Amino acid sequence: AHEDHIGALPYLLKYIHVPVYGTRFTIGVVRNKLEEHDLLASV
């Protein structure tokens, strides 16, 4: 869940719509990040 490994994910998901896989804590941080970018509902 470090930014140098997940920080570009919201920008990537604006171009492609595919499933994202990660451990519980990683997905927990990603969920919050996608919510800030208004992408959570579509991922």
PDB file of all heavy atoms in Angstrom:
ATOM      1  N   ALA A   1       0.788  -1.241   0.000  1.00  0.00           N
ATOM      2  CA  ALA A   1       0.000   0.000   0.000  1.00  0.00           C
ATOM      3  C   ALA A   1       0.818   1.288   0.000  1.00  0.00           C
ATOM      4  O   ALA A   1       0.297   2.337   0.365  1.00  0.00           O
ATOM      5  CB  ALA A   1      -0.941   0.004   1.211  1.00  0.00           C
ATOM      6  N   HIS A   2       2.076   1.252  -0.398  1.00  0.00           N
ATOM      7  CA  HIS A   2       2.842   2.498  -0.476  1.00  0.00           C
ATOM      8  C   HIS A   2       2.504   3.271  -1.751  1.00  0.00           C
ATOM      9  O   HIS A   2       2.189   2.675  -2.788  1.00  0.00           O
ATOM     10  CB  HIS A   2       4.339   2.204  -0.434  1.00  0.00           C
ATOM     11  CG  HIS A   2       4.864   2.037   0.968  1.00  0.00           C
ATOM     12  ND1 HIS A   2       5.956   1.256   1.266  1.00  0.00           N
ATOM     13  CD2 HIS A   2       4.439   2.559   2.155  1.00  0.00           C
ATOM     14  CE1 HIS A   2       6.186   1.302   2.574  1.00  0.00           C
ATOM     15  NE2 HIS A   2       5.275   2.088   3.125  1.00  0.00           N
ATOM     16  N   GLU A   3       2.614   4.597  -1.661  1.00  0.00           N
ATOM     17  CA  GLU A   3       2.240   5.458  -2.784  1.00  0.00           C
ATOM     18  C   GLU A   3       3.045   5.159  -4.040  1.00  0.00           C
ATOM     19  O   GLU A   3       2.546   5.307  -5.155  1.00  0.00           O
ATOM     20  CB  GLU A   3       2.418   6.939  -2.405  1.00  0.00           C
ATOM     21  CG  GLU A   3       1.366   7.471  -1.459  1.00  0.00           C
ATOM     22  CD  GLU A   3      -0.012   7.528  -2.102  1.00  0.00           C
ATOM     23  OE1 GLU A   3      -0.139   8.054  -3.206  1.00  0.00           O
ATOM     24  OE2 GLU A   3      -0.966   7.020  -1.476  1.00  0.00           O
ATOM     25  N   ASP A   4       4.308   4.767  -3.882  1.00  0.00           N
ATOM     26  CA  ASP A   4       5.122   4.478  -5.072  1.00  0.00           C
ATOM     27  C   ASP A   4       4.730   3.170  -5.731  1.00  0.00           C
ATOM     28  O   ASP A   4       5.323   2.766  -6.735  1.00  0.00           O
ATOM     29  CB  ASP A   4       6.615   4.498  -4.734  1.00  0.00           C
ATOM     30  CG  ASP A   4       7.002   3.487  -3.660  1.00  0.00           C
ATOM     31  OD1 ASP A   4       6.136   3.127  -2.845  1.00  0.00           O
ATOM     32  OD2 ASP A   4       8.173   3.063  -3.629  1.00  0.00           O
ATOM     33  N   HIS A   5       3.672   2.529  -5.185  1.00  0.00           N
ATOM     34  CA  HIS A   5       3.146   1.295  -5.795  1.00  0.00           C
ATOM     35  C   HIS A   5       1.650   1.376  -6.093  1.00  0.00           C
ATOM     36  O   HIS A   5       1.155   0.595  -6.897  1.00  0.00           O
ATOM     37  CB  HIS A   5       3.436   0.096  -4.889  1.00  0.00           C
ATOM     38  CG  HIS A   5       4.889  -0.247  -4.805  1.00  0.00           C
ATOM     39  ND1 HIS A   5       5.469  -1.266  -5.526  1.00  0.00           N
ATOM     40  CD2 HIS A   5       5.894   0.336  -4.102  1.00  0.00           C
ATOM     41  CE1 HIS A   5       6.764  -1.309  -5.263  1.00  0.00           C
ATOM     42  NE2 HIS A   5       7.041  -0.343  -4.396  1.00  0.00           N
ATOM     43  N   ILE A   6       0.942   2.290  -5.452  1.00  0.00           N
ATOM     44  CA  ILE A   6      -0.506   2.392  -5.709  1.00  0.00           C
ATOM     45  C   ILE A   6      -0.954   3.804  -6.083  1.00  0.00           C
ATOM     46  O   ILE A   6      -2.105   4.011  -6.451  1.00  0.00           O
ATOM     47  CB  ILE A   6      -1.337   1.924  -4.487  1.00  0.00           C
ATOM     48  CG1 ILE A   6      -1.128   2.874  -3.296  1.00  0.00           C
ATOM     49  CG2 ILE A   6      -1.017   0.486  -4.122  1.00  0.00           C
ATOM     50  CD1 ILE A   6      -2.091   2.650  -2.145  1.00  0.00           C
ATOM     51  N   GLY A   7      -0.066   4.793  -5.991  1.00  0.00           N
ATOM     52  CA  GLY A   7      -0.473   6.192  -6.157  1.00  0.00           C
ATOM     53  C   GLY A   7      -1.009   6.549  -7.522  1.00  0.00           C
ATOM     54  O   GLY A   7      -1.808   7.482  -7.661  1.00  0.00           O
ATOM     55  N   ALA A   8      -0.580   5.825  -8.557  1.00  0.00           N
ATOM     56  CA  ALA A   8      -1.040   6.126  -9.919  1.00  0.00           C
ATOM     57  C   ALA A   8      -2.286   5.341 -10.303  1.00  0.00           C
ATOM     58  O   ALA A   8      -2.809   5.512 -11.413  1.00  0.00           O
ATOM     59  CB  ALA A   8       0.081   5.842 -10.928  1.00  0.00           C
ATOM     60  N   LEU A   9      -2.764   4.503  -9.390  1.00  0.00           N
ATOM     61  CA  LEU A   9      -3.918   3.639  -9.714  1.00  0.00           C
ATOM     62  C   LEU A   9      -5.155   4.426 -10.147  1.00  0.00           C
ATOM     63  O   LEU A   9      -5.802   4.055 -11.141  1.00  0.00           O
ATOM     64  CB  LEU A   9      -4.231   2.748  -8.511  1.00  0.00           C
ATOM     65  CG  LEU A   9      -5.305   1.685  -8.721  1.00  0.00           C
ATOM     66  CD1 LEU A   9      -4.888   0.688  -9.797  1.00  0.00           C
ATOM     67  CD2 LEU A   9      -5.580   0.950  -7.397  1.00  0.00           C
ATOM     68  N   PRO A  10      -5.549   5.512  -9.467  1.00  0.00           N
ATOM     69  CA  PRO A  10      -6.741   6.250  -9.922  1.00  0.00           C
ATOM     70  C   PRO A  10      -6.614   6.766 -11.349  1.00  0.00           C
ATOM     71  O   PRO A  10      -7.604   6.793 -12.089  1.00  0.00           O
ATOM     72  CB  PRO A  10      -6.834   7.414  -8.927  1.00  0.00           C
ATOM     73  CG  PRO A  10      -6.115   6.947  -7.713  1.00  0.00           C
ATOM     74  CD  PRO A  10      -5.001   6.098  -8.223  1.00  0.00           C
ATOM     75  N   TYR A  11      -5.427   7.173 -11.739  1.00  0.00           N
ATOM     76  CA  TYR A  11      -5.217   7.681 -13.106  1.00  0.00           C
ATOM     77  C   TYR A  11      -5.275   6.541 -14.122  1.00  0.00           C
ATOM     78  O   TYR A  11      -5.804   6.705 -15.219  1.00  0.00           O
ATOM     79  CB  TYR A  11      -3.878   8.409 -13.184  1.00  0.00           C
ATOM     80  CG  TYR A  11      -3.767   9.523 -12.183  1.00  0.00           C
ATOM     81  CD1 TYR A  11      -3.094   9.346 -10.979  1.00  0.00           C
ATOM     82  CD2 TYR A  11      -4.369  10.755 -12.416  1.00  0.00           C
ATOM     83  CE1 TYR A  11      -3.008  10.366 -10.045  1.00  0.00           C
ATOM     84  CE2 TYR A  11      -4.295  11.782 -11.486  1.00  0.00           C
ATOM     85  CZ  TYR A  11      -3.616  11.575 -10.303  1.00  0.00           C
ATOM     86  OH  TYR A  11      -3.544  12.591  -9.379  1.00  0.00           O
ATOM     87  N   LEU A  12      -4.750   5.373 -13.728  1.00  0.00           N
ATOM     88  CA  LEU A  12      -4.813   4.204 -14.598  1.00  0.00           C
ATOM     89  C   LEU A  12      -6.249   3.750 -14.807  1.00  0.00           C
ATOM     90  O   LEU A  12      -6.658   3.410 -15.928  1.00  0.00           O
ATOM     91  CB  LEU A  12      -3.974   3.073 -13.992  1.00  0.00           C
ATOM     92  CG  LEU A  12      -4.016   1.717 -14.691  1.00  0.00           C
ATOM     93  CD1 LEU A  12      -3.524   1.826 -16.129  1.00  0.00           C
ATOM     94  CD2 LEU A  12      -3.180   0.694 -13.917  1.00  0.00           C
ATOM     95  N   LEU A  13      -7.050   3.773 -13.735  1.00  0.00           N
ATOM     96  CA  LEU A  13      -8.431   3.274 -13.815  1.00  0.00           C
ATOM     97  C   LEU A  13      -9.366   4.218 -14.560  1.00  0.00           C
ATOM     98  O   LEU A  13     -10.519   3.880 -14.807  1.00  0.00           O
ATOM     99  CB  LEU A  13      -8.958   3.008 -12.403  1.00  0.00           C
ATOM    100  CG  LEU A  13      -8.289   1.825 -11.688  1.00  0.00           C
ATOM    101  CD1 LEU A  13      -8.727   1.749 -10.239  1.00  0.00           C
ATOM    102  CD2 LEU A  13      -8.593   0.510 -12.412  1.00  0.00           C
ATOM    103  N   LYS A  14      -8.871   5.383 -14.912  1.00  0.00           N
ATOM    104  CA  LYS A  14      -9.652   6.266 -15.768  1.00  0.00           C
ATOM    105  C   LYS A  14      -9.594   5.815 -17.227  1.00  0.00           C
ATOM    106  O   LYS A  14     -10.425   6.206 -18.047  1.00  0.00           O
ATOM    107  CB  LYS A  14      -9.151   7.709 -15.641  1.00  0.00           C
ATOM    108  CG  LYS A  14      -9.465   8.337 -14.283  1.00  0.00           C
ATOM    109  CD  LYS A  14      -8.888   9.724 -14.138  1.00  0.00           C
ATOM    110  CE  LYS A  14      -9.173  10.295 -12.739  1.00  0.00           C
ATOM    111  NZ  LYS A  14      -8.577  11.642 -12.555  1.00  0.00           N
ATOM    112  N   TYR A  15      -8.595   4.981 -17.549  1.00  0.00           N
ATOM    113  CA  TYR A  15      -8.425   4.509 -18.926  1.00  0.00           C
ATOM    114  C   TYR A  15      -8.904   3.084 -19.126  1.00  0.00           C
ATOM    115  O   TYR A  15      -9.324   2.719 -20.212  1.00  0.00           O
ATOM    116  CB  TYR A  15      -6.941   4.582 -19.331  1.00  0.00           C
ATOM    117  CG  TYR A  15      -6.356   5.961 -19.241  1.00  0.00           C
ATOM    118  CD1 TYR A  15      -5.274   6.220 -18.418  1.00  0.00           C
ATOM    119  CD2 TYR A  15      -6.871   7.025 -19.983  1.00  0.00           C
ATOM    120  CE1 TYR A  15      -4.715   7.494 -18.328  1.00  0.00           C
ATOM    121  CE2 TYR A  15      -6.328   8.292 -19.897  1.00  0.00           C
ATOM    122  CZ  TYR A  15      -5.250   8.518 -19.071  1.00  0.00           C
ATOM    123  OH  TYR A  15      -4.710   9.782 -18.978  1.00  0.00           O
ATOM    124  N   ILE A  16      -8.809   2.268 -18.083  1.00  0.00           N
ATOM    125  CA  ILE A  16      -9.207   0.859 -18.225  1.00  0.00           C
ATOM    126  C   ILE A  16     -10.134   0.479 -17.081  1.00  0.00           C
ATOM    127  O   ILE A  16     -10.052   1.042 -15.988  1.00  0.00           O
ATOM    128  CB  ILE A  16      -7.982  -0.083 -18.251  1.00  0.00           C
ATOM    129  CG1 ILE A  16      -7.169   0.059 -16.947  1.00  0.00           C
ATOM    130  CG2 ILE A  16      -7.103   0.185 -19.458  1.00  0.00           C
ATOM    131  CD1 ILE A  16      -6.043  -0.950 -16.823  1.00  0.00           C
ATOM    132  N   HIS A  17     -11.022  -0.476 -17.331  1.00  0.00           N
ATOM    133  CA  HIS A  17     -11.963  -0.947 -16.316  1.00  0.00           C
ATOM    134  C   HIS A  17     -11.723  -2.434 -16.115  1.00  0.00           C
ATOM    135  O   HIS A  17     -12.283  -3.273 -16.819  1.00  0.00           O
ATOM    136  CB  HIS A  17     -13.406  -0.664 -16.747  1.00  0.00           C
ATOM    137  CG  HIS A  17     -13.681   0.795 -16.955  1.00  0.00           C
ATOM    138  ND1 HIS A  17     -13.866   1.673 -15.917  1.00  0.00           N
ATOM    139  CD2 HIS A  17     -13.769   1.540 -18.093  1.00  0.00           C
ATOM    140  CE1 HIS A  17     -14.075   2.898 -16.389  1.00  0.00           C
ATOM    141  NE2 HIS A  17     -14.020   2.840 -17.705  1.00  0.00           N
ATOM    142  N   VAL A  18     -10.855  -2.747 -15.144  1.00  0.00           N
ATOM    143  CA  VAL A  18     -10.483  -4.136 -14.869  1.00  0.00           C
ATOM    144  C   VAL A  18     -10.467  -4.341 -13.359  1.00  0.00           C
ATOM    145  O   VAL A  18     -10.379  -3.381 -12.588  1.00  0.00           O
ATOM    146  CB  VAL A  18      -9.102  -4.487 -15.457  1.00  0.00           C
ATOM    147  CG1 VAL A  18      -9.114  -4.383 -16.980  1.00  0.00           C
ATOM    148  CG2 VAL A  18      -8.018  -3.583 -14.862  1.00  0.00           C
ATOM    149  N   PRO A  19     -10.551  -5.595 -12.903  1.00  0.00           N
ATOM    150  CA  PRO A  19     -10.499  -5.845 -11.459  1.00  0.00           C
ATOM    151  C   PRO A  19      -9.133  -5.520 -10.873  1.00  0.00           C
ATOM    152  O   PRO A  19      -8.113  -5.624 -11.561  1.00  0.00           O
ATOM    153  CB  PRO A  19     -10.804  -7.344 -11.344  1.00  0.00           C
ATOM    154  CG  PRO A  19     -10.860  -7.890 -12.705  1.00  0.00           C
ATOM    155  CD  PRO A  19     -10.782  -6.797 -13.686  1.00  0.00           C
ATOM    156  N   VAL A  20      -9.135  -5.124  -9.602  1.00  0.00           N
ATOM    157  CA  VAL A  20      -7.906  -4.811  -8.872  1.00  0.00           C
ATOM    158  C   VAL A  20      -7.778  -5.789  -7.716  1.00  0.00           C
ATOM    159  O   VAL A  20      -8.735  -5.997  -6.958  1.00  0.00           O
ATOM    160  CB  VAL A  20      -7.933  -3.357  -8.341  1.00  0.00           C
ATOM    161  CG1 VAL A  20      -6.673  -3.062  -7.525  1.00  0.00           C
ATOM    162  CG2 VAL A  20      -8.076  -2.364  -9.487  1.00  0.00           C
ATOM    163  N   TYR A  21      -6.605  -6.402  -7.567  1.00  0.00           N
ATOM    164  CA  TYR A  21      -6.369  -7.412  -6.545  1.00  0.00           C
ATOM    165  C   TYR A  21      -5.316  -6.914  -5.555  1.00  0.00           C
ATOM    166  O   TYR A  21      -4.297  -6.348  -5.939  1.00  0.00           O
ATOM    167  CB  TYR A  21      -5.872  -8.718  -7.180  1.00  0.00           C
ATOM    168  CG  TYR A  21      -6.831  -9.327  -8.175  1.00  0.00           C
ATOM    169  CD1 TYR A  21      -6.856  -8.891  -9.507  1.00  0.00           C
ATOM    170  CD2 TYR A  21      -7.718 -10.340  -7.805  1.00  0.00           C
ATOM    171  CE1 TYR A  21      -7.731  -9.436 -10.431  1.00  0.00           C
ATOM    172  CE2 TYR A  21      -8.598 -10.901  -8.728  1.00  0.00           C
ATOM    173  CZ  TYR A  21      -8.598 -10.442 -10.040  1.00  0.00           C
ATOM    174  OH  TYR A  21      -9.466 -10.990 -10.946  1.00  0.00           O
ATOM    175  N   GLY A  22      -5.562  -7.156  -4.261  1.00  0.00           N
ATOM    176  CA  GLY A  22      -4.601  -6.777  -3.239  1.00  0.00           C
ATOM    177  C   GLY A  22      -5.003  -7.356  -1.898  1.00  0.00           C
ATOM    178  O   GLY A  22      -6.132  -7.827  -1.717  1.00  0.00           O
ATOM    179  N   THR A  23      -4.086  -7.316  -0.949  1.00  0.00           N
ATOM    180  CA  THR A  23      -4.397  -7.802   0.397  1.00  0.00           C
ATOM    181  C   THR A  23      -5.368  -6.848   1.085  1.00  0.00           C
ATOM    182  O   THR A  23      -5.634  -5.754   0.596  1.00  0.00           O
ATOM    183  CB  THR A  23      -3.103  -7.931   1.219  1.00  0.00           C
ATOM    184  OG1 THR A  23      -2.416  -6.682   1.209  1.00  0.00           O
ATOM    185  CG2 THR A  23      -2.201  -9.014   0.651  1.00  0.00           C
ATOM    186  N   ARG A  24      -5.852  -7.243   2.255  1.00  0.00           N
ATOM    187  CA  ARG A  24      -6.925  -6.482   2.907  1.00  0.00           C
ATOM    188  C   ARG A  24      -6.516  -5.043   3.208  1.00  0.00           C
ATOM    189  O   ARG A  24      -7.278  -4.113   2.951  1.00  0.00           O
ATOM    190  CB  ARG A  24      -7.342  -7.185   4.210  1.00  0.00           C
ATOM    191  CG  ARG A  24      -8.162  -8.437   3.987  1.00  0.00           C
ATOM    192  CD  ARG A  24      -8.986  -8.819   5.202  1.00  0.00           C
ATOM    193  NE  ARG A  24      -8.236  -8.703   6.443  1.00  0.00           N
ATOM    194  CZ  ARG A  24      -8.715  -8.135   7.555  1.00  0.00           C
ATOM    195  NH1 ARG A  24      -9.933  -7.642   7.563  1.00  0.00           N
ATOM    196  NH2 ARG A  24      -7.988  -8.073   8.655  1.00  0.00           N
ATOM    197  N   PHE A  25      -5.336  -4.858   3.774  1.00  0.00           N
ATOM    198  CA  PHE A  25      -4.922  -3.493   4.110  1.00  0.00           C
ATOM    199  C   PHE A  25      -4.689  -2.683   2.843  1.00  0.00           C
ATOM    200  O   PHE A  25      -5.083  -1.513   2.761  1.00  0.00           O
ATOM    201  CB  PHE A  25      -3.662  -3.512   4.969  1.00  0.00           C
ATOM    202  CG  PHE A  25      -3.233  -2.129   5.383  1.00  0.00           C
ATOM    203  CD1 PHE A  25      -3.929  -1.435   6.356  1.00  0.00           C
ATOM    204  CD2 PHE A  25      -2.143  -1.512   4.779  1.00  0.00           C
ATOM    205  CE1 PHE A  25      -3.543  -0.146   6.733  1.00  0.00           C
ATOM    206  CE2 PHE A  25      -1.753  -0.234   5.150  1.00  0.00           C
ATOM    207  CZ  PHE A  25      -2.452   0.449   6.128  1.00  0.00           C
ATOM    208  N   THR A  26      -4.044  -3.295   1.851  1.00  0.00           N
ATOM    209  CA  THR A  26      -3.793  -2.588   0.585  1.00  0.00           C
ATOM    210  C   THR A  26      -5.097  -2.138  -0.048  1.00  0.00           C
ATOM    211  O   THR A  26      -5.237  -0.978  -0.461  1.00  0.00           O
ATOM    212  CB  THR A  26      -3.010  -3.491  -0.388  1.00  0.00           C
ATOM    213  OG1 THR A  26      -1.782  -3.897   0.232  1.00  0.00           O
ATOM    214  CG2 THR A  26      -2.703  -2.762  -1.684  1.00  0.00           C
ATOM    215  N   ILE A  27      -6.074  -3.029  -0.111  1.00  0.00           N
ATOM    216  CA  ILE A  27      -7.367  -2.678  -0.707  1.00  0.00           C
ATOM    217  C   ILE A  27      -8.084  -1.642   0.152  1.00  0.00           C
ATOM    218  O   ILE A  27      -8.784  -0.755  -0.361  1.00  0.00           O
ATOM    219  CB  ILE A  27      -8.235  -3.939  -0.891  1.00  0.00           C
ATOM    220  CG1 ILE A  27      -7.621  -4.847  -1.971  1.00  0.00           C
ATOM    221  CG2 ILE A  27      -9.661  -3.568  -1.276  1.00  0.00           C
ATOM    222  CD1 ILE A  27      -7.520  -4.232  -3.354  1.00  0.00           C
ATOM    223  N   GLY A  28      -7.898  -1.700   1.473  1.00  0.00           N
ATOM    224  CA  GLY A  28      -8.503  -0.694   2.342  1.00  0.00           C
ATOM    225  C   GLY A  28      -7.995   0.703   2.022  1.00  0.00           C
ATOM    226  O   GLY A  28      -8.779   1.662   1.964  1.00  0.00           O
ATOM    227  N   VAL A  29      -6.685   0.834   1.803  1.00  0.00           N
ATOM    228  CA  VAL A  29      -6.102   2.134   1.446  1.00  0.00           C
ATOM    229  C   VAL A  29      -6.539   2.547   0.043  1.00  0.00           C
ATOM    230  O   VAL A  29      -6.869   3.709  -0.205  1.00  0.00           O
ATOM    231  CB  VAL A  29      -4.558   2.075   1.541  1.00  0.00           C
ATOM    232  CG1 VAL A  29      -3.948   3.388   1.080  1.00  0.00           C
ATOM    233  CG2 VAL A  29      -4.124   1.766   2.973  1.00  0.00           C
ATOM    234  N   VAL A  30      -6.575   1.576  -0.872  1.00  0.00           N
ATOM    235  CA  VAL A  30      -6.995   1.864  -2.253  1.00  0.00           C
ATOM    236  C   VAL A  30      -8.446   2.327  -2.276  1.00  0.00           C
ATOM    237  O   VAL A  30      -8.805   3.258  -3.009  1.00  0.00           O
ATOM    238  CB  VAL A  30      -6.797   0.613  -3.139  1.00  0.00           C
ATOM    239  CG1 VAL A  30      -7.565   0.759  -4.458  1.00  0.00           C
ATOM    240  CG2 VAL A  30      -5.318   0.390  -3.416  1.00  0.00           C
ATOM    241  N   ARG A  31      -9.284   1.689  -1.483  1.00  0.00           N
ATOM    242  CA  ARG A  31     -10.703   2.051  -1.444  1.00  0.00           C
ATOM    243  C   ARG A  31     -10.856   3.535  -1.087  1.00  0.00           C
ATOM    244  O   ARG A  31     -11.635   4.272  -1.708  1.00  0.00           O
ATOM    245  CB  ARG A  31     -11.435   1.171  -0.432  1.00  0.00           C
ATOM    246  CG  ARG A  31     -12.943   1.371  -0.374  1.00  0.00           C
ATOM    247  CD  ARG A  31     -13.552   0.466   0.691  1.00  0.00           C
ATOM    248  NE  ARG A  31     -13.307  -0.923   0.410  1.00  0.00           N
ATOM    249  CZ  ARG A  31     -14.037  -1.659  -0.429  1.00  0.00           C
ATOM    250  NH1 ARG A  31     -15.063  -1.104  -1.063  1.00  0.00           N
ATOM    251  NH2 ARG A  31     -13.753  -2.922  -0.636  1.00  0.00           N
ATOM    252  N   ASN A  32     -10.121   3.977  -0.087  1.00  0.00           N
ATOM    253  CA  ASN A  32     -10.186   5.383   0.324  1.00  0.00           C
ATOM    254  C   ASN A  32      -9.686   6.300  -0.792  1.00  0.00           C
ATOM    255  O   ASN A  32     -10.261   7.356  -1.064  1.00  0.00           O
ATOM    256  CB  ASN A  32      -9.347   5.579   1.581  1.00  0.00           C
ATOM    257  CG  ASN A  32      -9.428   7.002   2.103  1.00  0.00           C
ATOM    258  OD1 ASN A  32     -10.390   7.390   2.741  1.00  0.00           O
ATOM    259  ND2 ASN A  32      -8.400   7.802   1.828  1.00  0.00           N
ATOM    260  N   LYS A  33      -8.629   5.878  -1.469  1.00  0.00           N
ATOM    261  CA  LYS A  33      -8.055   6.679  -2.555  1.00  0.00           C
ATOM    262  C   LYS A  33      -9.035   6.806  -3.730  1.00  0.00           C
ATOM    263  O   LYS A  33      -9.205   7.888  -4.300  1.00  0.00           O
ATOM    264  CB  LYS A  33      -6.738   6.031  -3.013  1.00  0.00           C
ATOM    265  CG  LYS A  33      -5.957   6.834  -4.035  1.00  0.00           C
ATOM    266  CD  LYS A  33      -4.636   6.162  -4.352  1.00  0.00           C
ATOM    267  CE  LYS A  33      -3.702   6.227  -3.183  1.00  0.00           C
ATOM    268  NZ  LYS A  33      -3.255   7.625  -2.910  1.00  0.00           N
ATOM    269  N   LEU A  34      -9.661   5.703  -4.083  1.00  0.00           N
ATOM    270  CA  LEU A  34     -10.613   5.733  -5.198  1.00  0.00           C
ATOM    271  C   LEU A  34     -11.849   6.557  -4.850  1.00  0.00           C
ATOM    272  O   LEU A  34     -12.442   7.206  -5.722  1.00  0.00           O
ATOM    273  CB  LEU A  34     -11.023   4.314  -5.586  1.00  0.00           C
ATOM    274  CG  LEU A  34      -9.903   3.414  -6.123  1.00  0.00           C
ATOM    275  CD1 LEU A  34     -10.456   2.047  -6.498  1.00  0.00           C
ATOM    276  CD2 LEU A  34      -9.211   4.041  -7.332  1.00  0.00           C
ATOM    277  N   GLU A  35     -12.222   6.534  -3.584  1.00  0.00           N
ATOM    278  CA  GLU A  35     -13.366   7.328  -3.147  1.00  0.00           C
ATOM    279  C   GLU A  35     -13.077   8.817  -3.334  1.00  0.00           C
ATOM    280  O   GLU A  35     -13.937   9.590  -3.759  1.00  0.00           O
ATOM    281  CB  GLU A  35     -13.658   7.026  -1.674  1.00  0.00           C
ATOM    282  CG  GLU A  35     -15.032   7.437  -1.221  1.00  0.00           C
ATOM    283  CD  GLU A  35     -15.380   6.859   0.145  1.00  0.00           C
ATOM    284  OE1 GLU A  35     -14.458   6.404   0.859  1.00  0.00           O
ATOM    285  OE2 GLU A  35     -16.568   6.873   0.491  1.00  0.00           O
ATOM    286  N   GLU A  36     -11.853   9.236  -3.040  1.00  0.00           N
ATOM    287  CA  GLU A  36     -11.467  10.638  -3.216  1.00  0.00           C
ATOM    288  C   GLU A  36     -11.522  11.058  -4.674  1.00  0.00           C
ATOM    289  O   GLU A  36     -11.761  12.219  -4.988  1.00  0.00           O
ATOM    290  CB  GLU A  36     -10.054  10.858  -2.672  1.00  0.00           C
ATOM    291  CG  GLU A  36      -9.950  10.748  -1.162  1.00  0.00           C
ATOM    292  CD  GLU A  36      -8.528  10.912  -0.664  1.00  0.00           C
ATOM    293  OE1 GLU A  36      -7.603  10.926  -1.502  1.00  0.00           O
ATOM    294  OE2 GLU A  36      -8.340  11.041   0.558  1.00  0.00           O
ATOM    295  N   HIS A  37     -11.284  10.091  -5.582  1.00  0.00           N
ATOM    296  CA  HIS A  37     -11.302  10.373  -7.018  1.00  0.00           C
ATOM    297  C   HIS A  37     -12.651  10.049  -7.661  1.00  0.00           C
ATOM    298  O   HIS A  37     -12.758  10.042  -8.898  1.00  0.00           O
ATOM    299  CB  HIS A  37     -10.193   9.576  -7.728  1.00  0.00           C
ATOM    300  CG  HIS A  37      -8.809  10.108  -7.491  1.00  0.00           C
ATOM    301  ND1 HIS A  37      -8.155  10.889  -8.415  1.00  0.00           N
ATOM    302  CD2 HIS A  37      -7.969   9.985  -6.436  1.00  0.00           C
ATOM    303  CE1 HIS A  37      -6.959  11.208  -7.943  1.00  0.00           C
ATOM    304  NE2 HIS A  37      -6.818  10.670  -6.755  1.00  0.00           N
ATOM    305  N   ASP A  38     -13.671   9.749  -6.857  1.00  0.00           N
ATOM    306  CA  ASP A  38     -15.008   9.409  -7.366  1.00  0.00           C
ATOM    307  C   ASP A  38     -14.987   8.217  -8.322  1.00  0.00           C
ATOM    308  O   ASP A  38     -15.696   8.186  -9.324  1.00  0.00           O
ATOM    309  CB  ASP A  38     -15.639  10.625  -8.074  1.00  0.00           C
ATOM    310  CG  ASP A  38     -15.905  11.775  -7.115  1.00  0.00           C
ATOM    311  OD1 ASP A  38     -16.276  11.498  -5.968  1.00  0.00           O
ATOM    312  OD2 ASP A  38     -15.716  12.943  -7.523  1.00  0.00           O
ATOM    313  N   LEU A  39     -14.149   7.217  -8.008  1.00  0.00           N
ATOM    314  CA  LEU A  39     -14.027   6.046  -8.870  1.00  0.00           C
ATOM    315  C   LEU A  39     -14.469   4.752  -8.190  1.00  0.00           C
ATOM    316  O   LEU A  39     -14.534   3.709  -8.834  1.00  0.00           O
ATOM    317  CB  LEU A  39     -12.559   5.877  -9.329  1.00  0.00           C
ATOM    318  CG  LEU A  39     -12.017   6.910 -10.319  1.00  0.00           C
ATOM    319  CD1 LEU A  39     -10.508   6.744 -10.463  1.00  0.00           C
ATOM    320  CD2 LEU A  39     -12.689   6.750 -11.678  1.00  0.00           C
ATOM    321  N   LEU A  40     -14.757   4.816  -6.898  1.00  0.00           N
ATOM    322  CA  LEU A  40     -14.994   3.596  -6.141  1.00  0.00           C
ATOM    323  C   LEU A  40     -16.155   2.775  -6.701  1.00  0.00           C
ATOM    324  O   LEU A  40     -16.079   1.545  -6.790  1.00  0.00           O
ATOM    325  CB  LEU A  40     -15.251   3.939  -4.667  1.00  0.00           C
ATOM    326  CG  LEU A  40     -15.419   2.757  -3.722  1.00  0.00           C
ATOM    327  CD1 LEU A  40     -14.177   1.867  -3.754  1.00  0.00           C
ATOM    328  CD2 LEU A  40     -15.675   3.244  -2.308  1.00  0.00           C
ATOM    329  N   ALA A  41     -17.215   3.437  -7.106  1.00  0.00           N
ATOM    330  CA  ALA A  41     -18.413   2.720  -7.566  1.00  0.00           C
ATOM    331  C   ALA A  41     -18.168   1.948  -8.861  1.00  0.00           C
ATOM    332  O   ALA A  41     -18.867   0.969  -9.141  1.00  0.00           O
ATOM    333  CB  ALA A  41     -19.559   3.714  -7.762  1.00  0.00           C
ATOM    334  N   SER A  42     -17.172   2.357  -9.639  1.00  0.00           N
ATOM    335  CA  SER A  42     -16.959   1.739 -10.952  1.00  0.00           C
ATOM    336  C   SER A  42     -15.826   0.727 -10.978  1.00  0.00           C
ATOM    337  O   SER A  42     -15.504   0.183 -12.036  1.00  0.00           O
ATOM    338  CB  SER A  42     -16.665   2.834 -11.988  1.00  0.00           C
ATOM    339  OG  SER A  42     -15.495   3.559 -11.641  1.00  0.00           O
ATOM    340  N   VAL A  43     -15.199   0.453  -9.826  1.00  0.00           N
ATOM    341  CA  VAL A  43     -14.036  -0.442  -9.794  1.00  0.00           C
ATOM    342  C   VAL A  43     -14.365  -1.669  -8.952  1.00  0.00           C
ATOM    343  O   VAL A  43     -14.928  -1.570  -7.863  1.00  0.00           O
ATOM    344  CB  VAL A  43     -12.798   0.268  -9.211  1.00  0.00           C
ATOM    345  CG1 VAL A  43     -11.615  -0.690  -9.151  1.00  0.00           C
ATOM    346  CG2 VAL A  43     -12.441   1.495 -10.056  1.00  0.00           C
TER     347      VAL A  43
END
